[in-house]
Amino acid sequence: MIESATRRDSSGSTVTVVGGGLAGTEAALFLAGRGVAVTLYEMRPERMTPAHATGNLAELVCSNSLRSDDLSTAAGLLKEEMRRLGSAVLAAADRNRVPAGTALAVDREAFSRDLTRAVEEHPLIRVVRHEVTELPSALPSTILAPGPLVSDALAACIAELAGHESFFFFDAIAPIVSADSLDMTRIFRGSRYGAEEGGDYLNAPMDRETYERFVRELLAAEQFVPHGFEAGQPLPLFPGCQPIEAIASTGLQSLAHGPMRPTGFAGNPLGDRLHALVQLRAENESGTAYNLVGFQTRLKQGEQKRVFRMIPGLENAEILRYGSLHRNSFIDSPRVLSGDLSFRKRPDLFAAGQFAGAEGYVESTALGLLAAIFVHARLEGRAAPLPPDTTAIGALLRYVTTCPTSPLEPSNIHFGLLPPGRGQGRQGKRQAVVIRAREALSAWLDGLPGK
């Protein structure tokens, strides 16, 4: 249950944030930075989830990449907008980034420690390490950001409030291997379409024979079946995070045309015989651990060790964290929430993060940032205008709150969510969308209360 808050700001208001993931951490720091007292509830480490390893706030449980930082991409545009809005999470990501080409990847442990310290040391934030099992009833505003692994007790309360059954999909994470267990004589360093020598990724090349043998063993490997599902029964998996074996099942060459595509590596040691490759991205600044890019999996642990050690250079790989499958829960936001992320039946409650229907680290953080902006405006006695749908953050909000598909299909940010731009060719249209978004965000920022 939720305790009575004792620390309040000058207006006498205390905001409760439920969940210490990316969205909850972002929301708490944004509000506290504007003089609002916050009580942040996080059930870890008192009660752990199947995916988390620590009790730190903002722990990344899947990849350590926050996707592209390039402004020619929708993810890059969204990050720029969030930086302009003062995102504490992106500031921490920038402080703890590791080499990853044009992507923003972080040392996940340093990143999480950084944000945990920022929250715990803030004089206006009180952190309560306790599971919330009921919805608050007497607080001015609450932001629900329990994440996709919301506890059963709280999920039941939210489902009762929403008036419909909870929806969920299953999500997979990729394994992490120790750098000193890799055979660097069989691996080359390089970034896709980068220089012939050097680069931010390690690459394990395969000729056609090696690749096809690997795929056959991958498909024959035993998979983990979640409780309540029969072997062979399809799981409701999120399309943007398909397990490697699920992609392989669509055709022998599907991986070679997908996450293992070999294009853009002119300096590879196999030359014309290169048929596919596995990319490994640094997990930390010291480069002692690497993530297998695109290798989300639901294979049993023993099978992961057997099959992934067939990859050239990984014959003796030490797996520091096995890939796994876990349930990701979310609400059917367009049927439940208003445009400002508040519940229609309980306007004092706001939803944020992946739980609210976003997919991806940055997108989840963006909804936490927006929820905090809307709550802050309400505390100021005004309603914040919604961000224009010509901005990336506005387009994401519009999708989450108005998508006609039922139930909602969680989505990453992409240019298809924004109105098309006018320009010559694909790149010209994208550039027009970016220019328009920048101008629209500036206008919106000027109209925010207490900016």
Protein backbone atom coordinates (compact mmCIF):
# COMPACT_ATOMS: atom_id res chain seq x y z
CA MET A 1 0.00 0.00 0.00
CA ILE A 2 1.02 3.63 -0.35
CA GLU A 3 2.15 5.50 2.75
CA SER A 4 1.14 9.07 3.46
CA ALA A 5 3.72 11.45 2.08
CA THR A 6 5.38 13.74 4.62
CA ARG A 7 7.58 15.95 2.46
CA ARG A 8 5.81 18.59 0.38
CA ASP A 9 6.77 21.47 -1.84
CA SER A 10 5.84 25.10 -1.25
CA SER A 11 2.41 24.58 -2.82
CA GLY A 12 1.60 21.78 -0.37
CA SER A 13 1.53 19.14 -3.10
CA THR A 14 3.37 15.85 -3.19
CA VAL A 15 3.39 13.74 -6.34
CA THR A 16 3.67 9.97 -6.06
CA VAL A 17 5.53 8.04 -8.74
CA VAL A 18 5.08 4.28 -8.82
CA GLY A 19 8.00 2.51 -10.48
CA GLY A 20 11.70 3.26 -10.58
CA GLY A 21 12.37 2.33 -14.18
CA LEU A 22 13.30 4.76 -16.92
CA ALA A 23 9.91 6.49 -17.06
CA GLY A 24 9.48 6.77 -13.29
CA THR A 25 13.02 8.01 -12.78
CA GLU A 26 12.61 10.60 -15.53
CA ALA A 27 9.31 11.81 -14.10
CA ALA A 28 10.63 12.07 -10.54
CA LEU A 29 13.74 14.04 -11.52
CA PHE A 30 11.80 16.37 -13.81
CA LEU A 31 9.27 17.26 -11.11
CA ALA A 32 11.84 17.59 -8.33
CA GLY A 33 13.91 19.82 -10.57
CA ARG A 34 10.95 22.19 -10.63
CA GLY A 35 10.46 22.29 -6.89
CA VAL A 36 7.83 19.57 -6.58
CA ALA A 37 8.22 17.03 -3.77
CA VAL A 38 8.08 13.44 -5.00
CA THR A 39 7.67 10.08 -3.32
CA LEU A 40 9.03 7.35 -5.60
CA TYR A 41 8.04 3.74 -4.98
CA GLU A 42 10.19 0.89 -6.30
CA MET A 43 9.61 -2.69 -5.17
CA ARG A 44 13.13 -3.88 -5.97
CA PRO A 45 15.17 -5.24 -4.24
CA GLU A 46 12.42 -6.16 -1.74
CA ARG A 47 10.71 -8.00 -4.59
CA MET A 48 12.62 -8.76 -7.77
CA THR A 49 11.32 -9.39 -11.29
CA PRO A 50 12.31 -12.24 -13.64
CA ALA A 51 14.37 -9.82 -15.78
CA HIS A 52 16.12 -7.47 -13.33
CA ALA A 53 19.43 -8.28 -11.69
CA THR A 54 19.82 -5.38 -9.20
CA GLY A 55 17.82 -2.98 -7.09
CA ASN A 56 19.17 0.05 -8.94
CA LEU A 57 16.79 2.51 -10.54
CA ALA A 58 16.58 2.76 -14.34
CA GLU A 59 18.17 -0.66 -14.81
CA LEU A 60 18.35 -1.70 -18.47
CA VAL A 61 17.25 -5.31 -18.80
CA CYS A 62 17.52 -5.87 -22.53
CA SER A 63 20.01 -4.15 -24.83
CA ASN A 64 22.35 -1.40 -23.65
CA SER A 65 21.54 0.59 -26.79
CA LEU A 66 19.10 3.49 -26.88
CA ARG A 67 19.09 3.21 -30.68
CA SER A 68 20.28 5.75 -33.21
CA ASP A 69 21.41 9.22 -32.23
CA ASP A 70 21.40 10.32 -35.87
CA LEU A 71 18.95 13.16 -36.59
CA SER A 72 18.03 11.56 -39.90
CA THR A 73 16.23 8.86 -37.89
CA ALA A 74 13.03 9.16 -35.88
CA ALA A 75 14.81 7.83 -32.78
CA GLY A 76 17.48 10.50 -33.13
CA LEU A 77 14.87 13.21 -33.55
CA LEU A 78 13.02 12.06 -30.44
CA LYS A 79 16.23 12.17 -28.41
CA GLU A 80 16.98 15.72 -29.55
CA GLU A 81 13.51 16.82 -28.49
CA MET A 82 13.88 15.16 -25.09
CA ARG A 83 17.25 16.82 -24.53
CA ARG A 84 15.63 20.17 -25.26
CA LEU A 85 12.97 19.31 -22.67
CA GLY A 86 15.67 18.65 -20.08
CA SER A 87 15.60 14.85 -19.95
CA ALA A 88 17.67 13.64 -16.99
CA VAL A 89 17.78 10.11 -18.39
CA LEU A 90 19.34 11.21 -21.67
CA ALA A 91 21.80 13.41 -19.80
CA ALA A 92 22.89 10.34 -17.84
CA ALA A 93 23.08 8.30 -21.05
CA ASP A 94 25.34 10.92 -22.61
CA ARG A 95 27.59 10.85 -19.55
CA ASN A 96 27.89 7.06 -19.63
CA ARG A 97 27.92 6.31 -23.35
CA VAL A 98 30.13 3.64 -24.91
CA PRO A 99 31.26 3.41 -28.55
CA ALA A 100 28.45 2.14 -30.79
CA GLY A 101 28.72 3.97 -34.11
CA THR A 102 25.78 6.32 -34.58
CA ALA A 103 23.80 4.61 -31.81
CA LEU A 104 23.61 5.88 -28.24
CA ALA A 105 24.75 2.90 -26.17
CA VAL A 106 25.66 3.07 -22.49
CA ASP A 107 27.63 1.29 -19.83
CA ARG A 108 24.45 -0.07 -18.29
CA GLU A 109 25.78 -0.45 -14.73
CA ALA A 110 27.34 3.02 -14.63
CA PHE A 111 24.20 4.51 -16.22
CA SER A 112 21.91 2.95 -13.64
CA ARG A 113 24.17 3.89 -10.72
CA ASP A 114 24.31 7.47 -12.00
CA LEU A 115 20.53 7.86 -12.05
CA THR A 116 20.04 6.00 -8.76
CA ARG A 117 22.45 8.41 -7.08
CA ALA A 118 20.72 11.44 -8.66
CA VAL A 119 17.33 10.32 -7.34
CA GLU A 120 18.42 9.19 -3.88
CA GLU A 121 20.47 12.31 -3.24
CA HIS A 122 17.83 14.79 -4.41
CA PRO A 123 16.42 16.66 -1.38
CA LEU A 124 12.88 16.68 -2.81
CA ILE A 125 12.68 12.97 -3.64
CA ARG A 126 11.87 10.29 -1.08
CA VAL A 127 12.49 6.73 -2.28
CA VAL A 128 10.38 3.97 -0.73
CA ARG A 129 11.54 0.42 -1.46
CA HIS A 130 8.21 -1.32 -1.17
CA GLU A 131 5.70 -2.99 -3.48
CA VAL A 132 2.59 -0.96 -4.23
CA THR A 133 -0.42 -3.27 -4.14
CA GLU A 134 -3.29 -0.80 -4.42
CA LEU A 135 -4.08 2.41 -6.21
CA PRO A 136 -3.75 5.65 -4.19
CA SER A 137 -6.96 7.37 -3.19
CA ALA A 138 -6.04 10.63 -1.45
CA LEU A 139 -3.07 12.13 -3.28
CA PRO A 140 -3.29 15.08 -5.68
CA SER A 141 -1.50 13.31 -8.53
CA THR A 142 0.11 9.92 -9.11
CA ILE A 143 2.17 8.73 -12.05
CA LEU A 144 1.91 5.00 -12.62
CA ALA A 145 5.08 3.80 -14.29
CA PRO A 146 5.42 0.23 -13.00
CA GLY A 147 7.03 -0.96 -16.20
CA PRO A 148 6.08 -3.95 -18.32
CA LEU A 149 6.79 -6.33 -15.41
CA VAL A 150 4.12 -4.84 -13.17
CA SER A 151 3.36 -7.02 -10.14
CA ASP A 152 0.23 -9.16 -10.18
CA ALA A 153 -1.43 -7.31 -7.29
CA LEU A 154 -1.05 -3.86 -8.85
CA ALA A 155 -1.94 -5.18 -12.30
CA ALA A 156 -5.22 -6.52 -10.91
CA CYS A 157 -6.07 -3.10 -9.46
CA ILE A 158 -5.28 -1.36 -12.72
CA ALA A 159 -7.29 -3.89 -14.73
CA GLU A 160 -10.28 -3.28 -12.46
CA LEU A 161 -9.95 0.47 -12.96
CA ALA A 162 -9.54 0.16 -16.72
CA GLY A 163 -12.58 -2.08 -17.02
CA HIS A 164 -11.01 -4.56 -19.40
CA GLU A 165 -8.65 -7.52 -19.30
CA SER A 166 -4.95 -6.78 -19.28
CA PHE A 167 -3.14 -7.24 -22.55
CA PHE A 168 0.39 -8.53 -22.78
CA PHE A 169 3.07 -9.79 -25.13
CA PHE A 170 6.25 -11.73 -24.54
CA ASP A 171 9.61 -10.07 -25.00
CA ALA A 172 13.08 -11.59 -25.33
CA ILE A 173 16.53 -10.30 -24.36
CA ALA A 174 19.94 -11.15 -25.84
CA PRO A 175 22.89 -12.80 -24.09
CA ILE A 176 26.03 -10.98 -22.95
CA VAL A 177 29.47 -12.59 -23.22
CA SER A 178 32.83 -11.93 -21.57
CA ALA A 179 35.31 -10.13 -23.83
CA ASP A 180 38.32 -12.10 -22.63
CA SER A 181 36.64 -15.38 -23.62
CA LEU A 182 36.44 -14.38 -27.30
CA ASP A 183 38.93 -15.58 -29.92
CA MET A 184 39.97 -12.29 -31.47
CA THR A 185 41.91 -14.08 -34.25
CA ARG A 186 38.53 -15.02 -35.75
CA ILE A 187 36.77 -11.72 -35.12
CA PHE A 188 37.31 -8.37 -36.79
CA ARG A 189 36.47 -4.87 -35.60
CA GLY A 190 34.36 -2.58 -37.78
CA SER A 191 31.13 -0.63 -38.12
CA ARG A 192 28.68 -1.17 -40.92
CA TYR A 193 29.53 1.14 -43.84
CA GLY A 194 32.42 2.51 -41.78
CA ALA A 195 36.16 2.54 -42.42
CA GLU A 196 37.82 -0.67 -43.58
CA GLU A 197 39.77 -0.87 -40.32
CA GLY A 198 38.57 0.01 -36.87
CA GLY A 199 35.06 0.62 -35.65
CA ASP A 200 32.87 0.30 -32.60
CA TYR A 201 31.62 -3.27 -33.10
CA LEU A 202 33.19 -6.70 -33.02
CA ASN A 203 32.11 -8.90 -35.93
CA ALA A 204 32.13 -12.68 -36.18
CA PRO A 205 32.07 -13.56 -39.90
CA MET A 206 30.53 -16.71 -41.41
CA ASP A 207 30.77 -18.29 -44.84
CA ARG A 208 27.65 -19.90 -46.27
CA GLU A 209 28.39 -23.40 -44.98
CA THR A 210 29.07 -22.20 -41.43
CA TYR A 211 25.99 -20.01 -41.46
CA GLU A 212 23.60 -22.71 -42.67
CA ARG A 213 24.95 -25.22 -40.15
CA PHE A 214 24.42 -22.65 -37.40
CA VAL A 215 20.83 -21.97 -38.49
CA ARG A 216 19.96 -25.67 -38.61
CA GLU A 217 21.23 -26.17 -35.05
CA LEU A 218 19.47 -23.00 -33.89
CA LEU A 219 16.13 -24.28 -35.20
CA ALA A 220 16.67 -27.72 -33.66
CA ALA A 221 17.52 -26.33 -30.20
CA GLU A 222 15.11 -26.73 -27.30
CA GLN A 223 13.18 -23.59 -26.37
CA PHE A 224 11.81 -22.31 -23.08
CA VAL A 225 8.01 -22.42 -22.91
CA PRO A 226 6.41 -19.96 -20.43
CA HIS A 227 4.01 -21.31 -17.85
CA GLY A 228 0.49 -21.58 -19.22
CA PHE A 229 1.53 -22.17 -22.84
CA GLU A 230 1.87 -25.47 -24.62
CA ALA A 231 4.96 -26.43 -26.64
CA GLY A 232 4.48 -25.38 -30.25
CA GLN A 233 1.76 -22.87 -29.38
CA PRO A 234 2.60 -19.42 -30.81
CA LEU A 235 3.31 -16.70 -28.27
CA PRO A 236 2.14 -13.08 -28.70
CA LEU A 237 5.65 -11.77 -29.35
CA PHE A 238 6.40 -8.10 -30.05
CA PRO A 239 7.38 -7.83 -33.75
CA GLY A 240 10.23 -5.39 -33.07
CA CYS A 241 12.01 -7.75 -30.67
CA GLN A 242 11.59 -11.20 -32.20
CA PRO A 243 13.77 -14.02 -30.85
CA ILE A 244 16.55 -14.99 -33.23
CA GLU A 245 15.10 -18.49 -33.61
CA ALA A 246 11.66 -17.08 -34.50
CA ILE A 247 13.22 -15.07 -37.33
CA ALA A 248 15.20 -18.11 -38.50
CA SER A 249 12.02 -20.18 -38.68
CA THR A 250 10.72 -17.99 -41.52
CA GLY A 251 13.42 -19.22 -43.93
CA LEU A 252 16.98 -20.50 -44.09
CA GLN A 253 18.36 -17.17 -45.29
CA SER A 254 16.15 -14.89 -43.18
CA LEU A 255 18.90 -14.13 -40.65
CA ALA A 256 21.42 -13.40 -43.41
CA HIS A 257 18.97 -10.78 -44.69
CA GLY A 258 18.12 -9.55 -41.18
CA PRO A 259 20.21 -9.19 -38.00
CA MET A 260 23.11 -11.16 -39.51
CA ARG A 261 23.22 -9.35 -42.85
CA PRO A 262 26.83 -8.94 -44.05
CA THR A 263 26.46 -5.74 -46.08
CA GLY A 264 28.70 -2.77 -45.43
CA PHE A 265 31.89 -4.58 -44.36
CA ALA A 266 34.44 -4.18 -47.14
CA GLY A 267 37.38 -5.01 -44.87
CA ASN A 268 36.13 -8.38 -43.59
CA PRO A 269 38.67 -11.24 -43.55
CA LEU A 270 36.49 -13.62 -45.59
CA GLY A 271 36.26 -11.30 -48.57
CA ASP A 272 33.76 -12.53 -51.16
CA ARG A 273 33.02 -15.62 -49.08
CA LEU A 274 31.33 -13.54 -46.35
CA HIS A 275 27.73 -14.74 -46.17
CA ALA A 276 26.61 -13.55 -42.73
CA LEU A 277 28.03 -12.18 -39.49
CA VAL A 278 27.22 -11.67 -35.85
CA GLN A 279 27.81 -8.21 -34.40
CA LEU A 280 28.85 -7.70 -30.77
CA ARG A 281 28.41 -4.32 -29.09
CA ALA A 282 30.33 -3.19 -26.00
CA GLU A 283 28.30 -3.36 -22.79
CA ASN A 284 30.54 -1.10 -20.72
CA GLU A 285 33.18 1.57 -21.11
CA SER A 286 36.00 -0.82 -20.27
CA GLY A 287 34.94 -3.22 -23.02
CA THR A 288 34.96 -6.29 -20.78
CA ALA A 289 31.49 -7.48 -21.83
CA TYR A 290 29.70 -7.62 -25.19
CA ASN A 291 26.06 -7.98 -26.20
CA LEU A 292 25.14 -10.19 -29.16
CA VAL A 293 23.27 -7.65 -31.32
CA GLY A 294 19.86 -8.85 -32.45
CA PHE A 295 20.23 -12.20 -30.67
CA GLN A 296 17.20 -12.02 -28.40
CA THR A 297 16.35 -15.61 -27.62
CA ARG A 298 14.06 -18.00 -25.77
CA LEU A 299 16.42 -20.99 -26.02
CA LYS A 300 17.12 -22.88 -22.81
CA GLN A 301 20.42 -21.89 -21.21
CA GLY A 302 22.26 -25.09 -22.07
CA GLU A 303 21.18 -24.75 -25.70
CA GLN A 304 22.35 -21.14 -25.81
CA LYS A 305 25.80 -22.22 -24.72
CA ARG A 306 25.90 -25.05 -27.27
CA VAL A 307 24.49 -23.19 -30.28
CA PHE A 308 26.05 -19.76 -29.79
CA ARG A 309 29.48 -21.32 -29.33
CA MET A 310 29.16 -22.37 -32.98
CA ILE A 311 29.70 -18.73 -33.92
CA PRO A 312 33.30 -18.17 -35.12
CA GLY A 313 35.30 -16.64 -32.29
CA LEU A 314 32.76 -17.64 -29.64
CA GLU A 315 33.83 -21.29 -29.35
CA ASN A 316 34.82 -20.75 -25.70
CA ALA A 317 32.56 -17.81 -24.94
CA GLU A 318 31.65 -17.27 -21.30
CA ILE A 319 28.02 -16.18 -21.12
CA LEU A 320 27.71 -13.55 -18.41
CA ARG A 321 23.97 -13.17 -18.86
CA TYR A 322 21.80 -15.63 -20.75
CA GLY A 323 19.09 -14.48 -23.08
CA SER A 324 15.57 -14.95 -21.73
CA LEU A 325 11.88 -14.51 -22.36
CA HIS A 326 9.59 -12.56 -20.08
CA ARG A 327 6.08 -11.14 -20.01
CA ASN A 328 5.64 -7.47 -20.83
CA SER A 329 2.29 -6.08 -19.70
CA PHE A 330 0.66 -2.90 -20.95
CA ILE A 331 -2.71 -1.21 -20.90
CA ASP A 332 -4.92 -0.58 -23.91
CA SER A 333 -4.15 3.14 -23.67
CA PRO A 334 -6.41 4.60 -26.39
CA ARG A 335 -9.45 3.10 -24.67
CA VAL A 336 -8.30 3.99 -21.13
CA LEU A 337 -6.32 7.25 -21.18
CA SER A 338 -7.03 10.85 -22.09
CA GLY A 339 -4.70 12.80 -24.35
CA ASP A 340 -2.59 13.93 -21.39
CA LEU A 341 -1.97 10.31 -20.23
CA SER A 342 -4.43 10.59 -17.32
CA PHE A 343 -6.96 7.81 -16.75
CA ARG A 344 -10.41 8.78 -17.92
CA LYS A 345 -12.02 7.23 -14.83
CA ARG A 346 -9.38 8.68 -12.46
CA PRO A 347 -7.99 11.97 -13.81
CA ASP A 348 -5.61 12.17 -10.84
CA LEU A 349 -3.78 9.07 -12.10
CA PHE A 350 -1.35 9.27 -15.01
CA ALA A 351 0.25 6.38 -16.90
CA ALA A 352 3.78 6.44 -18.26
CA GLY A 353 6.46 4.28 -19.78
CA GLN A 354 6.21 0.98 -21.59
CA PHE A 355 3.28 0.11 -19.37
CA ALA A 356 1.38 2.93 -21.15
CA GLY A 357 1.93 1.39 -24.57
CA ALA A 358 5.30 2.64 -25.79
CA GLU A 359 8.00 0.26 -26.94
CA GLY A 360 11.67 0.94 -26.37
CA TYR A 361 13.87 2.65 -23.80
CA VAL A 362 13.69 6.15 -25.24
CA GLU A 363 9.98 5.98 -26.02
CA SER A 364 9.17 4.79 -22.50
CA THR A 365 11.29 7.58 -21.03
CA ALA A 366 9.54 10.10 -23.27
CA LEU A 367 6.14 9.14 -21.85
CA GLY A 368 7.53 9.56 -18.33
CA LEU A 369 8.76 13.01 -19.28
CA LEU A 370 5.38 13.95 -20.78
CA ALA A 371 3.44 12.67 -17.77
CA ALA A 372 5.62 14.81 -15.51
CA ILE A 373 5.06 17.87 -17.72
CA PHE A 374 1.29 17.38 -17.57
CA VAL A 375 1.29 16.82 -13.80
CA HIS A 376 3.47 19.88 -13.22
CA ALA A 377 1.12 22.03 -15.30
CA ARG A 378 -1.86 20.78 -13.32
CA LEU A 379 -0.11 21.65 -10.04
CA GLU A 380 0.44 25.14 -11.47
CA GLY A 381 -3.31 25.40 -12.02
CA ARG A 382 -3.13 25.17 -15.80
CA ALA A 383 -3.48 22.53 -18.47
CA ALA A 384 -0.39 22.01 -20.58
CA PRO A 385 -1.06 22.01 -24.32
CA LEU A 386 -0.39 18.68 -26.00
CA PRO A 387 2.79 18.59 -28.07
CA PRO A 388 2.10 18.94 -31.81
CA ASP A 389 1.88 15.66 -33.71
CA THR A 390 4.47 17.12 -36.10
CA THR A 391 7.06 16.55 -33.35
CA ALA A 392 8.38 13.07 -32.61
CA ILE A 393 7.27 13.19 -28.98
CA GLY A 394 3.84 14.48 -29.99
CA ALA A 395 3.43 11.80 -32.65
CA LEU A 396 4.31 9.13 -30.10
CA LEU A 397 1.78 10.52 -27.62
CA ARG A 398 -0.92 10.68 -30.28
CA TYR A 399 -0.29 7.05 -31.27
CA VAL A 400 -0.43 5.81 -27.69
CA THR A 401 -3.63 7.70 -26.86
CA THR A 402 -5.58 7.55 -30.14
CA CYS A 403 -4.46 4.45 -32.09
CA PRO A 404 -7.65 2.76 -33.40
CA THR A 405 -6.17 -0.75 -33.27
CA SER A 406 -7.60 -2.69 -30.34
CA PRO A 407 -5.80 -3.81 -28.34
CA LEU A 408 -3.02 -1.30 -28.85
CA GLU A 409 0.10 -2.64 -30.53
CA PRO A 410 3.07 -1.04 -28.70
CA SER A 411 5.34 0.79 -31.11
CA ASN A 412 8.78 2.34 -31.33
CA ILE A 413 8.99 5.86 -32.73
CA HIS A 414 9.27 5.89 -36.51
CA PHE A 415 8.68 8.43 -39.25
CA GLY A 416 5.43 6.71 -40.18
CA LEU A 417 3.88 8.14 -37.01
CA LEU A 418 4.58 11.72 -38.12
CA PRO A 419 2.75 13.53 -40.93
CA PRO A 420 4.77 13.24 -44.17
CA GLY A 421 7.11 16.04 -45.15
CA ARG A 422 7.46 17.76 -48.49
CA GLY A 423 10.78 17.35 -50.22
CA GLN A 424 12.65 15.71 -53.04
CA GLY A 425 13.20 12.02 -52.54
CA ARG A 426 13.16 10.00 -49.34
CA GLN A 427 15.97 11.94 -47.65
CA GLY A 428 14.53 15.28 -48.67
CA LYS A 429 11.18 14.39 -47.13
CA ARG A 430 12.87 13.20 -43.94
CA GLN A 431 14.85 16.42 -43.67
CA ALA A 432 11.64 18.42 -44.08
CA VAL A 433 10.02 16.43 -41.26
CA VAL A 434 13.00 17.15 -38.97
CA ILE A 435 13.02 20.88 -39.74
CA ARG A 436 9.27 21.12 -39.17
CA ALA A 437 9.54 19.16 -35.90
CA ARG A 438 12.23 21.46 -34.53
CA GLU A 439 10.13 24.54 -35.25
CA ALA A 440 6.99 22.96 -33.80
CA LEU A 441 8.76 21.94 -30.60
CA SER A 442 10.07 25.48 -30.10
CA ALA A 443 6.55 26.88 -30.39
CA TRP A 444 5.19 24.28 -27.97
CA LEU A 445 7.91 24.98 -25.43
CA ASP A 446 7.03 28.67 -25.50
CA GLY A 447 3.46 27.82 -24.53
CA LEU A 448 4.22 25.52 -21.59
CA PRO A 449 3.27 26.84 -18.14
CA GLY A 450 6.19 27.39 -15.77
CA LYS A 451 8.74 26.66 -18.51
